[in-house]
Amino acid sequence: MKIFIDYFLNYLQTEKDAAKSTIHKYRADLEKLFEYLQVTDINEINQNHLRDYLNHIR
């Protein structure tokens, strides 16, 4: 999953000119999400997974 996180963060930095603090926060949040989901294929993630995660962090 790291490759997807890196790709997205690179997009934020190069295309959106996001601040370093924003990129750092996004990285931390995305790493926590993928750690919680424990999936190896990003295509396995669905809306229910994301709802479960949002309930978990509340």
N, C-alpha and C. Protein backbone atom coordinates (compact mmCIF):
# COMPACT_ATOMS: atom_id res chain seq x y z
N MET A 1 0.81 -1.20 0.00
CA MET A 1 0.00 0.00 0.00
C MET A 1 0.86 1.27 0.00
N LYS A 2 2.10 1.11 0.43
CA LYS A 2 2.98 2.27 0.50
C LYS A 2 3.10 2.97 -0.85
N ILE A 3 3.11 2.21 -1.92
CA ILE A 3 3.26 2.82 -3.24
C ILE A 3 2.07 3.74 -3.57
N PHE A 4 0.87 3.37 -3.12
CA PHE A 4 -0.31 4.21 -3.37
C PHE A 4 -0.26 5.48 -2.52
N ILE A 5 0.19 5.32 -1.29
CA ILE A 5 0.33 6.50 -0.43
C ILE A 5 1.36 7.45 -1.02
N ASP A 6 2.50 6.91 -1.42
CA ASP A 6 3.56 7.76 -1.99
C ASP A 6 3.09 8.45 -3.27
N TYR A 7 2.36 7.73 -4.11
CA TYR A 7 1.86 8.30 -5.35
C TYR A 7 0.92 9.48 -5.05
N PHE A 8 0.00 9.29 -4.12
CA PHE A 8 -0.95 10.33 -3.77
C PHE A 8 -0.24 11.54 -3.16
N LEU A 9 0.71 11.29 -2.27
CA LEU A 9 1.42 12.39 -1.63
C LEU A 9 2.27 13.16 -2.63
N ASN A 10 2.84 12.45 -3.58
CA ASN A 10 3.59 13.11 -4.64
C ASN A 10 2.67 14.01 -5.47
N TYR A 11 1.47 13.52 -5.74
CA TYR A 11 0.48 14.32 -6.45
C TYR A 11 0.15 15.59 -5.67
N LEU A 12 -0.07 15.45 -4.37
CA LEU A 12 -0.38 16.63 -3.55
C LEU A 12 0.75 17.65 -3.59
N GLN A 13 1.96 17.15 -3.55
CA GLN A 13 3.11 18.04 -3.52
C GLN A 13 3.34 18.71 -4.88
N THR A 14 3.31 17.93 -5.95
CA THR A 14 3.69 18.48 -7.25
C THR A 14 2.54 19.20 -7.95
N GLU A 15 1.34 18.65 -7.86
CA GLU A 15 0.22 19.24 -8.59
C GLU A 15 -0.57 20.26 -7.77
N LYS A 16 -0.66 20.04 -6.49
CA LYS A 16 -1.46 20.91 -5.62
C LYS A 16 -0.61 21.84 -4.77
N ASP A 17 0.70 21.66 -4.80
CA ASP A 17 1.62 22.49 -4.02
C ASP A 17 1.22 22.53 -2.53
N ALA A 18 0.89 21.35 -2.01
CA ALA A 18 0.47 21.24 -0.60
C ALA A 18 1.66 21.50 0.32
N ALA A 19 1.35 22.04 1.47
CA ALA A 19 2.37 22.32 2.48
C ALA A 19 2.95 21.01 3.02
N LYS A 20 4.19 21.07 3.47
CA LYS A 20 4.83 19.87 4.02
C LYS A 20 4.07 19.32 5.21
N SER A 21 3.51 20.20 6.02
CA SER A 21 2.75 19.74 7.19
C SER A 21 1.49 19.00 6.74
N THR A 22 0.87 19.45 5.66
CA THR A 22 -0.32 18.78 5.13
C THR A 22 0.05 17.39 4.63
N ILE A 23 1.12 17.30 3.90
CA ILE A 23 1.58 16.01 3.37
C ILE A 23 1.93 15.06 4.51
N HIS A 24 2.59 15.58 5.52
CA HIS A 24 2.95 14.76 6.68
C HIS A 24 1.70 14.20 7.36
N LYS A 25 0.69 15.05 7.53
CA LYS A 25 -0.55 14.62 8.18
C LYS A 25 -1.30 13.60 7.34
N TYR A 26 -1.37 13.84 6.03
CA TYR A 26 -2.00 12.87 5.14
C TYR A 26 -1.30 11.52 5.23
N ARG A 27 0.04 11.52 5.24
CA ARG A 27 0.79 10.26 5.32
C ARG A 27 0.43 9.51 6.60
N ALA A 28 0.42 10.20 7.71
CA ALA A 28 0.10 9.55 8.98
C ALA A 28 -1.32 8.98 8.96
N ASP A 29 -2.27 9.75 8.45
CA ASP A 29 -3.66 9.30 8.41
C ASP A 29 -3.82 8.09 7.49
N LEU A 30 -3.20 8.14 6.32
CA LEU A 30 -3.33 7.04 5.37
C LEU A 30 -2.65 5.77 5.88
N GLU A 31 -1.51 5.93 6.54
CA GLU A 31 -0.83 4.76 7.10
C GLU A 31 -1.69 4.11 8.19
N LYS A 32 -2.34 4.91 9.01
CA LYS A 32 -3.23 4.36 10.03
C LYS A 32 -4.42 3.64 9.39
N LEU A 33 -4.97 4.22 8.34
CA LEU A 33 -6.09 3.60 7.64
C LEU A 33 -5.69 2.23 7.09
N PHE A 34 -4.59 2.17 6.35
CA PHE A 34 -4.18 0.90 5.75
C PHE A 34 -3.76 -0.11 6.81
N GLU A 35 -3.21 0.34 7.90
CA GLU A 35 -2.87 -0.58 8.99
C GLU A 35 -4.14 -1.19 9.58
N TYR A 36 -5.15 -0.38 9.74
CA TYR A 36 -6.42 -0.86 10.28
C TYR A 36 -7.09 -1.85 9.32
N LEU A 37 -7.08 -1.51 8.04
CA LEU A 37 -7.77 -2.34 7.05
C LEU A 37 -7.08 -3.68 6.84
N GLN A 38 -5.78 -3.71 6.93
CA GLN A 38 -4.99 -4.93 6.74
C GLN A 38 -5.34 -5.64 5.44
N VAL A 39 -5.36 -4.89 4.36
CA VAL A 39 -5.59 -5.48 3.05
C VAL A 39 -4.29 -5.40 2.24
N THR A 40 -4.14 -6.32 1.33
CA THR A 40 -2.94 -6.31 0.49
C THR A 40 -3.23 -5.78 -0.91
N ASP A 41 -4.50 -5.74 -1.27
CA ASP A 41 -4.90 -5.26 -2.59
C ASP A 41 -5.85 -4.09 -2.40
N ILE A 42 -5.48 -2.94 -2.92
CA ILE A 42 -6.30 -1.74 -2.75
C ILE A 42 -7.70 -1.93 -3.35
N ASN A 43 -7.83 -2.82 -4.31
CA ASN A 43 -9.13 -3.08 -4.94
C ASN A 43 -10.09 -3.82 -4.01
N GLU A 44 -9.57 -4.35 -2.90
CA GLU A 44 -10.43 -5.02 -1.92
C GLU A 44 -11.19 -4.04 -1.05
N ILE A 45 -10.74 -2.82 -1.01
CA ILE A 45 -11.35 -1.82 -0.13
C ILE A 45 -12.68 -1.36 -0.71
N ASN A 46 -13.69 -1.37 0.15
CA ASN A 46 -15.00 -0.89 -0.29
C ASN A 46 -15.56 0.11 0.73
N GLN A 47 -16.74 0.58 0.44
CA GLN A 47 -17.36 1.60 1.27
C GLN A 47 -17.57 1.12 2.71
N ASN A 48 -17.89 -0.14 2.89
CA ASN A 48 -18.09 -0.68 4.23
C ASN A 48 -16.81 -0.65 5.05
N HIS A 49 -15.68 -0.94 4.40
CA HIS A 49 -14.40 -0.86 5.09
C HIS A 49 -14.16 0.56 5.62
N LEU A 50 -14.44 1.52 4.77
CA LEU A 50 -14.20 2.91 5.16
C LEU A 50 -15.15 3.35 6.27
N ARG A 51 -16.39 2.91 6.20
CA ARG A 51 -17.35 3.22 7.29
C ARG A 51 -16.89 2.61 8.62
N ASP A 52 -16.43 1.37 8.56
CA ASP A 52 -15.93 0.71 9.77
C ASP A 52 -14.76 1.49 10.36
N TYR A 53 -13.87 1.94 9.49
CA TYR A 53 -12.72 2.70 9.97
C TYR A 53 -13.14 4.02 10.61
N LEU A 54 -14.07 4.71 9.97
CA LEU A 54 -14.55 5.98 10.54
C LEU A 54 -15.21 5.77 11.90
N ASN A 55 -15.96 4.69 12.03
CA ASN A 55 -16.55 4.37 13.34
C ASN A 55 -15.46 4.04 14.35
N HIS A 56 -14.43 3.38 13.91
CA HIS A 56 -13.32 3.00 14.79
C HIS A 56 -12.59 4.23 15.34
N ILE A 57 -12.39 5.23 14.52
CA ILE A 57 -11.62 6.40 14.98
C ILE A 57 -12.46 7.41 15.75
N ARG A 58 -13.75 7.24 15.76
CA ARG A 58 -14.61 8.15 16.53
C ARG A 58 -14.45 7.99 17.98
